[in-house]
C-alpha atoms as a PDB file:
ATOM      1  CA  UNK A   1       4.868  18.933  -6.155  1.00  0.00           C
ATOM      2  CA  UNK A   2       8.591  18.680  -5.893  1.00  0.00           C
ATOM      3  CA  UNK A   3      10.077  17.284  -2.755  1.00  0.00           C
ATOM      4  CA  UNK A   4      12.549  19.043  -0.962  1.00  0.00           C
ATOM      5  CA  UNK A   5      14.999  16.321  -1.142  1.00  0.00           C
ATOM      6  CA  UNK A   6      16.817  14.113  -3.827  1.00  0.00           C
ATOM      7  CA  UNK A   7      15.082  10.860  -4.852  1.00  0.00           C
ATOM      8  CA  UNK A   8      17.916   9.121  -2.885  1.00  0.00           C
ATOM      9  CA  UNK A   9      17.520  10.868   0.454  1.00  0.00           C
ATOM     10  CA  UNK A  10      13.729  10.646   0.104  1.00  0.00           C
ATOM     11  CA  UNK A  11      14.253   6.805  -0.237  1.00  0.00           C
ATOM     12  CA  UNK A  12      16.450   6.317   2.595  1.00  0.00           C
ATOM     13  CA  UNK A  13      14.078   8.494   4.926  1.00  0.00           C
ATOM     14  CA  UNK A  14      10.987   6.442   3.946  1.00  0.00           C
ATOM     15  CA  UNK A  15      12.594   2.877   4.419  1.00  0.00           C
ATOM     16  CA  UNK A  16      15.633   2.710   6.445  1.00  0.00           C
ATOM     17  CA  UNK A  17      15.031   5.510   9.229  1.00  0.00           C
ATOM     18  CA  UNK A  18      11.612   3.972  10.527  1.00  0.00           C
ATOM     19  CA  UNK A  19      13.158   0.626  10.834  1.00  0.00           C
ATOM     20  CA  UNK A  20      16.140   2.089  12.764  1.00  0.00           C
ATOM     21  CA  UNK A  21      13.964   3.836  15.033  1.00  0.00           C
ATOM     22  CA  UNK A  22      11.583   0.707  15.371  1.00  0.00           C
ATOM     23  CA  UNK A  23      14.001  -2.048  16.201  1.00  0.00           C
ATOM     24  CA  UNK A  24      15.436  -0.997  19.294  1.00  0.00           C
ATOM     25  CA  UNK A  25      12.124   0.389  20.350  1.00  0.00           C
ATOM     26  CA  UNK A  26      10.652  -3.121  20.073  1.00  0.00           C
ATOM     27  CA  UNK A  27      13.660  -4.775  21.860  1.00  0.00           C
ATOM     28  CA  UNK A  28      13.209  -2.580  24.590  1.00  0.00           C
ATOM     29  CA  UNK A  29       9.457  -3.149  24.767  1.00  0.00           C
ATOM     30  CA  UNK A  30       9.911  -6.952  24.560  1.00  0.00           C
ATOM     31  CA  UNK A  31      12.471  -6.838  27.154  1.00  0.00           C
ATOM     32  CA  UNK A  32      10.439  -4.750  29.548  1.00  0.00           C
ATOM     33  CA  UNK A  33       7.452  -7.293  28.835  1.00  0.00           C
ATOM     34  CA  UNK A  34       9.806 -10.145  30.035  1.00  0.00           C
ATOM     35  CA  UNK A  35      10.696  -8.186  32.909  1.00  0.00           C
ATOM     36  CA  UNK A  36       7.614  -7.338  34.031  1.00  0.00           C
ATOM     37  CA  UNK A  37       6.338 -10.659  34.007  1.00  0.00           C
ATOM     38  CA  UNK A  38       8.970 -11.841  36.768  1.00  0.00           C
ATOM     39  CA  UNK A  39       7.482  -9.301  39.028  1.00  0.00           C
ATOM     40  CA  UNK A  40       3.563  -9.946  38.202  1.00  0.00           C
ATOM     41  CA  UNK A  41       1.431 -10.540  41.722  1.00  0.00           C
ATOM     42  CA  UNK A  42       0.618 -14.395  41.966  1.00  0.00           C
ATOM     43  CA  UNK A  43      -2.949 -13.285  42.502  1.00  0.00           C
ATOM     44  CA  UNK A  44      -3.804 -12.563  38.827  1.00  0.00           C
ATOM     45  CA  UNK A  45      -4.731 -15.659  36.531  1.00  0.00           C
ATOM     46  CA  UNK A  46      -1.951 -17.342  34.448  1.00  0.00           C
ATOM     47  CA  UNK A  47      -3.825 -17.087  31.367  1.00  0.00           C
ATOM     48  CA  UNK A  48      -3.109 -13.287  31.376  1.00  0.00           C
ATOM     49  CA  UNK A  49       0.631 -13.698  30.950  1.00  0.00           C
ATOM     50  CA  UNK A  50       2.493 -13.655  27.732  1.00  0.00           C
ATOM     51  CA  UNK A  51       5.086 -16.841  27.674  1.00  0.00           C
ATOM     52  CA  UNK A  52       8.412 -15.678  28.482  1.00  0.00           C
ATOM     53  CA  UNK A  53      10.687 -14.470  25.681  1.00  0.00           C
ATOM     54  CA  UNK A  54      14.181 -16.076  25.599  1.00  0.00           C
ATOM     55  CA  UNK A  55      17.215 -12.952  25.367  1.00  0.00           C
ATOM     56  CA  UNK A  56      18.208 -14.615  22.185  1.00  0.00           C
ATOM     57  CA  UNK A  57      14.948 -14.295  20.536  1.00  0.00           C
ATOM     58  CA  UNK A  58      14.271 -10.350  21.417  1.00  0.00           C
ATOM     59  CA  UNK A  59      16.348  -9.084  18.425  1.00  0.00           C
ATOM     60  CA  UNK A  60      15.495 -11.320  15.639  1.00  0.00           C
ATOM     61  CA  UNK A  61      11.728 -10.914  16.560  1.00  0.00           C
ATOM     62  CA  UNK A  62      12.167  -7.339  16.924  1.00  0.00           C
ATOM     63  CA  UNK A  63      13.935  -6.907  13.395  1.00  0.00           C
ATOM     64  CA  UNK A  64      11.229  -8.845  11.776  1.00  0.00           C
ATOM     65  CA  UNK A  65       8.411  -6.912  13.394  1.00  0.00           C
ATOM     66  CA  UNK A  66      10.254  -3.747  12.254  1.00  0.00           C
ATOM     67  CA  UNK A  67      10.763  -4.809   8.850  1.00  0.00           C
ATOM     68  CA  UNK A  68       7.053  -6.089   8.390  1.00  0.00           C
ATOM     69  CA  UNK A  69       5.634  -2.648   9.925  1.00  0.00           C
ATOM     70  CA  UNK A  70       8.147  -0.511   7.981  1.00  0.00           C
ATOM     71  CA  UNK A  71       6.906  -2.235   5.111  1.00  0.00           C
ATOM     72  CA  UNK A  72       3.272  -1.866   5.542  1.00  0.00           C
ATOM     73  CA  UNK A  73       3.893   1.997   6.458  1.00  0.00           C
ATOM     74  CA  UNK A  74       5.721   2.445   3.424  1.00  0.00           C
ATOM     75  CA  UNK A  75       3.245   1.346   1.327  1.00  0.00           C
ATOM     76  CA  UNK A  76       0.314   2.725   2.963  1.00  0.00           C
ATOM     77  CA  UNK A  77       2.221   6.144   3.304  1.00  0.00           C
ATOM     78  CA  UNK A  78       3.237   5.890  -0.694  1.00  0.00           C
ATOM     79  CA  UNK A  79      -0.404   5.265  -1.582  1.00  0.00           C
ATOM     80  CA  UNK A  80      -1.255   8.197   0.857  1.00  0.00           C
ATOM     81  CA  UNK A  81       0.874  10.510  -0.646  1.00  0.00           C
ATOM     82  CA  UNK A  82       0.308   9.554  -4.264  1.00  0.00           C
ATOM     83  CA  UNK A  83      -3.605  10.636  -3.592  1.00  0.00           C
ATOM     84  CA  UNK A  84      -2.927  13.777  -1.744  1.00  0.00           C
ATOM     85  CA  UNK A  85      -0.037  14.772  -4.711  1.00  0.00           C
ATOM     86  CA  UNK A  86      -2.768  13.832  -7.438  1.00  0.00           C
ATOM     87  CA  UNK A  87      -5.503  15.947  -5.718  1.00  0.00           C
ATOM     88  CA  UNK A  88      -3.010  18.918  -5.564  1.00  0.00           C
ATOM     89  CA  UNK A  89      -2.316  18.749  -9.159  1.00  0.00           C
ATOM     90  CA  UNK A  90      -5.757  18.089 -10.131  1.00  0.00           C
ATOM     91  CA  UNK A  91      -6.984  21.460  -8.164  1.00  0.00           C
ATOM     92  CA  UNK A  92      -4.435  23.174 -10.069  1.00  0.00           C
ATOM     93  CA  UNK A  93      -5.785  22.158 -13.300  1.00  0.00           C
ATOM     94  CA  UNK A  94      -9.374  21.975 -12.552  1.00  0.00           C
ATOM     95  CA  UNK A  95      -9.857  18.417 -13.432  1.00  0.00           C
ATOM     96  CA  UNK A  96     -12.173  15.686 -12.383  1.00  0.00           C
ATOM     97  CA  UNK A  97     -11.181  12.424 -10.845  1.00  0.00           C
ATOM     98  CA  UNK A  98     -12.076   9.129 -12.537  1.00  0.00           C
ATOM     99  CA  UNK A  99     -14.223   6.827 -11.159  1.00  0.00           C
ATOM    100  CA  UNK A 100     -12.190   4.277  -8.876  1.00  0.00           C
ATOM    101  CA  UNK A 101     -13.639   0.605  -8.973  1.00  0.00           C
ATOM    102  CA  UNK A 102     -14.226   0.165  -5.248  1.00  0.00           C
ATOM    103  CA  UNK A 103     -13.304  -3.537  -3.983  1.00  0.00           C
ATOM    104  CA  UNK A 104     -14.552  -5.075  -0.840  1.00  0.00           C
ATOM    105  CA  UNK A 105     -11.059  -5.663   0.496  1.00  0.00           C
ATOM    106  CA  UNK A 106      -8.128  -3.759   1.221  1.00  0.00           C
ATOM    107  CA  UNK A 107      -5.816  -2.586  -1.946  1.00  0.00           C
ATOM    108  CA  UNK A 108      -8.592  -3.937  -3.812  1.00  0.00           C
ATOM    109  CA  UNK A 109      -7.073  -7.537  -3.667  1.00  0.00           C
ATOM    110  CA  UNK A 110     -10.542  -8.999  -4.405  1.00  0.00           C
ATOM    111  CA  UNK A 111     -10.460  -7.093  -7.815  1.00  0.00           C
ATOM    112  CA  UNK A 112      -6.976  -8.036  -8.706  1.00  0.00           C
ATOM    113  CA  UNK A 113      -8.174 -11.567  -8.119  1.00  0.00           C
ATOM    114  CA  UNK A 114     -11.063 -11.183 -10.379  1.00  0.00           C
ATOM    115  CA  UNK A 115      -8.727  -9.940 -12.917  1.00  0.00           C
ATOM    116  CA  UNK A 116      -6.264 -12.543 -12.661  1.00  0.00           C
ATOM    117  CA  UNK A 117      -9.111 -15.354 -12.649  1.00  0.00           C
ATOM    118  CA  UNK A 118     -10.647 -13.922 -15.968  1.00  0.00           C
ATOM    119  CA  UNK A 119      -6.946 -14.254 -17.417  1.00  0.00           C
ATOM    120  CA  UNK A 120      -6.763 -17.658 -16.529  1.00  0.00           C
ATOM    121  CA  UNK A 121     -10.072 -19.124 -16.904  1.00  0.00           C
ATOM    122  CA  UNK A 122     -12.209 -16.866 -19.036  1.00  0.00           C
ATOM    123  CA  UNK A 123     -11.788 -14.693 -22.029  1.00  0.00           C
ATOM    124  CA  UNK A 124      -8.808 -12.388 -21.252  1.00  0.00           C
ATOM    125  CA  UNK A 125     -10.638  -9.075 -20.889  1.00  0.00           C
ATOM    126  CA  UNK A 126     -13.906 -10.399 -19.676  1.00  0.00           C
ATOM    127  CA  UNK A 127     -13.396  -8.820 -16.181  1.00  0.00           C
ATOM    128  CA  UNK A 128     -12.557  -5.377 -17.726  1.00  0.00           C
ATOM    129  CA  UNK A 129     -15.597  -5.684 -20.079  1.00  0.00           C
ATOM    130  CA  UNK A 130     -17.814  -6.278 -17.110  1.00  0.00           C
ATOM    131  CA  UNK A 131     -16.324  -3.400 -15.324  1.00  0.00           C
ATOM    132  CA  UNK A 132     -16.541  -1.218 -18.196  1.00  0.00           C
ATOM    133  CA  UNK A 133     -20.431  -1.944 -18.312  1.00  0.00           C
ATOM    134  CA  UNK A 134     -20.703  -0.737 -14.743  1.00  0.00           C
ATOM    135  CA  UNK A 135     -18.191   2.239 -14.619  1.00  0.00           C
ATOM    136  CA  UNK A 136     -18.321   3.408 -18.132  1.00  0.00           C
ATOM    137  CA  UNK A 137     -15.535   3.677 -20.637  1.00  0.00           C
ATOM    138  CA  UNK A 138     -13.077   5.497 -18.540  1.00  0.00           C
ATOM    139  CA  UNK A 139     -12.376   3.977 -14.644  1.00  0.00           C
ATOM    140  CA  UNK A 140      -9.455   3.609 -12.463  1.00  0.00           C
ATOM    141  CA  UNK A 141      -8.281   0.142 -11.121  1.00  0.00           C
ATOM    142  CA  UNK A 142      -6.615   1.358  -7.454  1.00  0.00           C
ATOM    143  CA  UNK A 143      -4.583  -2.204  -6.965  1.00  0.00           C
ATOM    144  CA  UNK A 144      -2.299  -2.429  -4.354  1.00  0.00           C
ATOM    145  CA  UNK A 145      -2.009   1.473  -4.120  1.00  0.00           C
ATOM    146  CA  UNK A 146      -1.070   1.992  -7.779  1.00  0.00           C
ATOM    147  CA  UNK A 147      -3.641   3.878  -9.935  1.00  0.00           C
ATOM    148  CA  UNK A 148      -4.065   2.036 -13.428  1.00  0.00           C
ATOM    149  CA  UNK A 149      -6.351   4.397 -15.783  1.00  0.00           C
ATOM    150  CA  UNK A 150      -8.370   1.999 -17.830  1.00  0.00           C
ATOM    151  CA  UNK A 151     -10.176   3.239 -20.985  1.00  0.00           C
ATOM    152  CA  UNK A 152     -12.356   1.665 -24.015  1.00  0.00           C
ATOM    153  CA  UNK A 153     -12.951   4.819 -25.768  1.00  0.00           C
ATOM    154  CA  UNK A 154     -11.648   4.873 -29.071  1.00  0.00           C
ATOM    155  CA  UNK A 155     -11.009   8.369 -29.426  1.00  0.00           C
ATOM    156  CA  UNK A 156      -9.251   8.326 -26.221  1.00  0.00           C
ATOM    157  CA  UNK A 157      -7.133   5.299 -27.120  1.00  0.00           C
ATOM    158  CA  UNK A 158      -6.311   7.035 -30.496  1.00  0.00           C
ATOM    159  CA  UNK A 159      -5.365  10.519 -28.544  1.00  0.00           C
ATOM    160  CA  UNK A 160      -2.983   8.445 -26.137  1.00  0.00           C
ATOM    161  CA  UNK A 161      -1.279   6.310 -28.959  1.00  0.00           C
ATOM    162  CA  UNK A 162      -1.005   8.653 -32.141  1.00  0.00           C
ATOM    163  CA  UNK A 163      -2.137  12.048 -31.603  1.00  0.00           C
ATOM    164  CA  UNK A 164      -0.296  13.147 -28.511  1.00  0.00           C
ATOM    165  CA  UNK A 165       1.932   9.977 -27.732  1.00  0.00           C
ATOM    166  CA  UNK A 166       4.647  12.029 -26.366  1.00  0.00           C
ATOM    167  CA  UNK A 167       2.719  13.700 -23.429  1.00  0.00           C
ATOM    168  CA  UNK A 168       1.407  10.735 -22.164  1.00  0.00           C
ATOM    169  CA  UNK A 169       3.209   8.120 -19.373  1.00  0.00           C
ATOM    170  CA  UNK A 170       3.060   4.491 -20.807  1.00  0.00           C
END
C-alpha cells in the first residue's frame, strides 16, 4: 500500500513531530504541577504531594520523557502499521496468515531470550527445533515487532533459494 509521502517525509513525521509536540506539553505540565503545589491546601496529607521540581530540571526531564514516549510510540505504531498493511495485502491475494509464536512477554522478549540462550548454551538451532515440533514446518517469530518467517520444509527452502530466488526478500 503506497504512502502519500516520500520516505524522508514519512520518517520526519513519525519521529520528530511527536517529540516537537510532546516536549513543550510536558514542560508546561511539569511547570503547572510545580505551581499547583504552592497553592495546595494544608489540610491534605503531605504524602500526596510530588516533590518540587526545580526550573532548571524541567526542560531536560521533559526532553527525556518525550524521547522515550516518542520511541515507544514509533515502535508500536510501526508494528501496528505493518500488521495492517500485511492483512490488507493478504486479503487481496486470498492468502492465509502464518502461525505466530506467542510468548508471554511484550514483544516476545521471552522467545528472543530463549533463542539467544539456545545459541549460547545448547545446539544452535535447538530452540527452533522445539518450536518446529510445536508449530509445524512454517511459523512466524514476531520479535520486537518484526516478523521473521521460519520454515524447515526442504521444498519451501528449495523454492526460496533456487527456483524463485529473485521473487523473495532475503
